[in-house]
């Protein structure tokens, strides 16, 4: 299965014999967990969370509360442009948020909260 034609080398010039590849053949098992994937080709970047094996998705990221005054500082600070201020107070479009925390850091009203370890 791992045999290479005689004299053939890998892209980096290493020997492709079974002995040189045997250390690379490994496996692991993870029965449950969660993660995220990003579509970097989309503008703004698209982020999605997923779980497997019955794991629960934990809320994370940032949320803008009713204390928002609509000053717009978060708009200018968001690298993804995923904050909407059209309704008078700011709302984060969660599918695009990278959880950088710029809005949290710059909000003068303290309207942005960080969500951690809250089960959805």
C-alpha atoms as a PDB file:
ATOM      1  CA  UNK A   1       0.000   0.000   0.000  1.00  0.00           C
ATOM      2  CA  UNK A   2       2.839   2.423   0.812  1.00  0.00           C
ATOM      3  CA  UNK A   3       5.346   1.112  -1.738  1.00  0.00           C
ATOM      4  CA  UNK A   4       6.660   3.736  -4.142  1.00  0.00           C
ATOM      5  CA  UNK A   5       8.107   2.981  -7.561  1.00  0.00           C
ATOM      6  CA  UNK A   6      11.843   2.276  -7.440  1.00  0.00           C
ATOM      7  CA  UNK A   7      13.918   5.421  -7.056  1.00  0.00           C
ATOM      8  CA  UNK A   8      10.909   7.711  -6.499  1.00  0.00           C
ATOM      9  CA  UNK A   9      11.132  10.394  -3.831  1.00  0.00           C
ATOM     10  CA  UNK A  10       8.554  12.599  -2.187  1.00  0.00           C
ATOM     11  CA  UNK A  11       7.973  16.238  -3.021  1.00  0.00           C
ATOM     12  CA  UNK A  12      10.608  17.185  -0.430  1.00  0.00           C
ATOM     13  CA  UNK A  13      13.154  14.610  -1.603  1.00  0.00           C
ATOM     14  CA  UNK A  14      12.667  12.152   1.279  1.00  0.00           C
ATOM     15  CA  UNK A  15      12.825   8.384   0.798  1.00  0.00           C
ATOM     16  CA  UNK A  16       9.331   6.947   0.271  1.00  0.00           C
ATOM     17  CA  UNK A  17      10.165   3.488   1.602  1.00  0.00           C
ATOM     18  CA  UNK A  18       7.857   1.886   4.152  1.00  0.00           C
ATOM     19  CA  UNK A  19      10.286   2.578   7.002  1.00  0.00           C
ATOM     20  CA  UNK A  20      10.313   6.330   6.398  1.00  0.00           C
ATOM     21  CA  UNK A  21       6.508   6.513   6.299  1.00  0.00           C
ATOM     22  CA  UNK A  22       5.649   4.115   9.105  1.00  0.00           C
ATOM     23  CA  UNK A  23       6.010   6.864  11.740  1.00  0.00           C
ATOM     24  CA  UNK A  24       3.405   8.914   9.881  1.00  0.00           C
ATOM     25  CA  UNK A  25       0.735   6.215   9.907  1.00  0.00           C
ATOM     26  CA  UNK A  26      -1.287   6.863  13.052  1.00  0.00           C
ATOM     27  CA  UNK A  27      -4.890   7.262  14.059  1.00  0.00           C
ATOM     28  CA  UNK A  28      -6.892   8.679  16.924  1.00  0.00           C
ATOM     29  CA  UNK A  29     -10.449   8.547  18.122  1.00  0.00           C
ATOM     30  CA  UNK A  30     -12.529  11.389  19.454  1.00  0.00           C
ATOM     31  CA  UNK A  31     -15.996  10.312  20.527  1.00  0.00           C
ATOM     32  CA  UNK A  32     -17.529  13.748  21.006  1.00  0.00           C
ATOM     33  CA  UNK A  33     -16.639  17.369  20.646  1.00  0.00           C
ATOM     34  CA  UNK A  34     -17.295  20.654  18.919  1.00  0.00           C
ATOM     35  CA  UNK A  35     -15.512  22.934  16.513  1.00  0.00           C
ATOM     36  CA  UNK A  36     -15.838  25.692  13.965  1.00  0.00           C
ATOM     37  CA  UNK A  37     -15.171  26.108  10.272  1.00  0.00           C
ATOM     38  CA  UNK A  38     -14.569  29.321   8.389  1.00  0.00           C
ATOM     39  CA  UNK A  39     -15.221  30.186   4.742  1.00  0.00           C
ATOM     40  CA  UNK A  40     -12.402  32.631   4.091  1.00  0.00           C
ATOM     41  CA  UNK A  41     -13.536  33.159   0.493  1.00  0.00           C
ATOM     42  CA  UNK A  42     -16.727  34.903   1.663  1.00  0.00           C
ATOM     43  CA  UNK A  43     -16.817  38.609   2.505  1.00  0.00           C
ATOM     44  CA  UNK A  44     -17.365  39.003   5.346  1.00  0.00           C
ATOM     45  CA  UNK A  45     -15.862  35.693   6.460  1.00  0.00           C
ATOM     46  CA  UNK A  46     -18.512  33.058   7.223  1.00  0.00           C
ATOM     47  CA  UNK A  47     -18.195  31.139  10.506  1.00  0.00           C
ATOM     48  CA  UNK A  48     -20.200  28.071  11.534  1.00  0.00           C
ATOM     49  CA  UNK A  49     -20.028  25.952  14.687  1.00  0.00           C
ATOM     50  CA  UNK A  50     -20.663  22.208  14.824  1.00  0.00           C
ATOM     51  CA  UNK A  51     -20.815  19.360  17.337  1.00  0.00           C
ATOM     52  CA  UNK A  52     -20.551  15.601  17.083  1.00  0.00           C
ATOM     53  CA  UNK A  53     -21.084  12.612  19.334  1.00  0.00           C
ATOM     54  CA  UNK A  54     -23.780  14.298  21.407  1.00  0.00           C
ATOM     55  CA  UNK A  55     -21.633  17.213  22.597  1.00  0.00           C
ATOM     56  CA  UNK A  56     -23.484  20.400  23.475  1.00  0.00           C
ATOM     57  CA  UNK A  57     -22.636  23.639  21.733  1.00  0.00           C
ATOM     58  CA  UNK A  58     -21.545  26.316  24.155  1.00  0.00           C
ATOM     59  CA  UNK A  59     -22.506  29.920  23.497  1.00  0.00           C
ATOM     60  CA  UNK A  60     -19.476  32.033  22.784  1.00  0.00           C
ATOM     61  CA  UNK A  61     -18.607  35.366  21.311  1.00  0.00           C
ATOM     62  CA  UNK A  62     -20.205  38.727  21.972  1.00  0.00           C
ATOM     63  CA  UNK A  63     -23.732  40.072  22.286  1.00  0.00           C
ATOM     64  CA  UNK A  64     -24.896  43.685  22.317  1.00  0.00           C
ATOM     65  CA  UNK A  65     -27.436  44.445  25.029  1.00  0.00           C
ATOM     66  CA  UNK A  66     -30.199  47.060  25.368  1.00  0.00           C
ATOM     67  CA  UNK A  67     -27.624  49.446  26.887  1.00  0.00           C
ATOM     68  CA  UNK A  68     -26.387  50.270  23.360  1.00  0.00           C
ATOM     69  CA  UNK A  69     -26.608  54.016  22.686  1.00  0.00           C
ATOM     70  CA  UNK A  70     -26.035  53.696  18.932  1.00  0.00           C
ATOM     71  CA  UNK A  71     -22.750  55.655  18.992  1.00  0.00           C
ATOM     72  CA  UNK A  72     -21.246  53.510  16.195  1.00  0.00           C
ATOM     73  CA  UNK A  73     -17.790  52.928  17.684  1.00  0.00           C
ATOM     74  CA  UNK A  74     -18.258  49.184  17.330  1.00  0.00           C
ATOM     75  CA  UNK A  75     -19.012  49.582  13.605  1.00  0.00           C
ATOM     76  CA  UNK A  76     -15.651  51.194  12.939  1.00  0.00           C
ATOM     77  CA  UNK A  77     -13.818  48.647  15.118  1.00  0.00           C
ATOM     78  CA  UNK A  78     -15.272  45.479  13.556  1.00  0.00           C
ATOM     79  CA  UNK A  79     -12.805  43.948  11.053  1.00  0.00           C
ATOM     80  CA  UNK A  80     -15.608  41.913   9.433  1.00  0.00           C
ATOM     81  CA  UNK A  81     -18.179  44.681   9.161  1.00  0.00           C
ATOM     82  CA  UNK A  82     -20.681  42.366  10.830  1.00  0.00           C
ATOM     83  CA  UNK A  83     -22.356  44.890  13.110  1.00  0.00           C
ATOM     84  CA  UNK A  84     -25.665  46.375  11.987  1.00  0.00           C
ATOM     85  CA  UNK A  85     -26.757  49.736  13.354  1.00  0.00           C
ATOM     86  CA  UNK A  86     -29.765  50.283  11.076  1.00  0.00           C
ATOM     87  CA  UNK A  87     -32.276  49.698  13.874  1.00  0.00           C
ATOM     88  CA  UNK A  88     -30.849  52.461  16.087  1.00  0.00           C
ATOM     89  CA  UNK A  89     -28.925  50.103  18.335  1.00  0.00           C
ATOM     90  CA  UNK A  90     -26.182  47.734  17.272  1.00  0.00           C
ATOM     91  CA  UNK A  91     -26.663  44.047  16.471  1.00  0.00           C
ATOM     92  CA  UNK A  92     -23.892  41.533  15.718  1.00  0.00           C
ATOM     93  CA  UNK A  93     -24.439  39.240  12.726  1.00  0.00           C
ATOM     94  CA  UNK A  94     -23.168  36.136  14.518  1.00  0.00           C
ATOM     95  CA  UNK A  95     -22.494  34.070  11.378  1.00  0.00           C
ATOM     96  CA  UNK A  96     -19.708  36.489  10.439  1.00  0.00           C
ATOM     97  CA  UNK A  97     -18.325  37.465  13.863  1.00  0.00           C
ATOM     98  CA  UNK A  98     -14.754  36.300  14.514  1.00  0.00           C
ATOM     99  CA  UNK A  99     -15.017  36.884  18.283  1.00  0.00           C
ATOM    100  CA  UNK A 100     -12.123  39.364  18.200  1.00  0.00           C
ATOM    101  CA  UNK A 101     -13.570  41.472  21.026  1.00  0.00           C
ATOM    102  CA  UNK A 102     -12.956  44.876  19.443  1.00  0.00           C
ATOM    103  CA  UNK A 103     -16.580  45.901  20.022  1.00  0.00           C
ATOM    104  CA  UNK A 104     -16.378  44.758  23.645  1.00  0.00           C
ATOM    105  CA  UNK A 105     -13.190  46.727  24.261  1.00  0.00           C
ATOM    106  CA  UNK A 106     -14.352  49.980  22.652  1.00  0.00           C
ATOM    107  CA  UNK A 107     -17.990  50.233  23.765  1.00  0.00           C
ATOM    108  CA  UNK A 108     -18.279  53.332  26.009  1.00  0.00           C
ATOM    109  CA  UNK A 109     -21.709  52.233  27.320  1.00  0.00           C
ATOM    110  CA  UNK A 110     -20.573  48.724  28.333  1.00  0.00           C
ATOM    111  CA  UNK A 111     -23.367  47.347  26.157  1.00  0.00           C
ATOM    112  CA  UNK A 112     -21.318  44.473  24.711  1.00  0.00           C
ATOM    113  CA  UNK A 113     -21.129  41.316  26.801  1.00  0.00           C
ATOM    114  CA  UNK A 114     -18.981  38.247  26.301  1.00  0.00           C
ATOM    115  CA  UNK A 115     -20.841  34.947  26.262  1.00  0.00           C
ATOM    116  CA  UNK A 116     -18.907  32.019  27.692  1.00  0.00           C
ATOM    117  CA  UNK A 117     -19.844  28.559  28.864  1.00  0.00           C
ATOM    118  CA  UNK A 118     -23.585  29.046  28.457  1.00  0.00           C
ATOM    119  CA  UNK A 119     -25.280  25.922  27.124  1.00  0.00           C
ATOM    120  CA  UNK A 120     -27.543  26.571  24.131  1.00  0.00           C
END
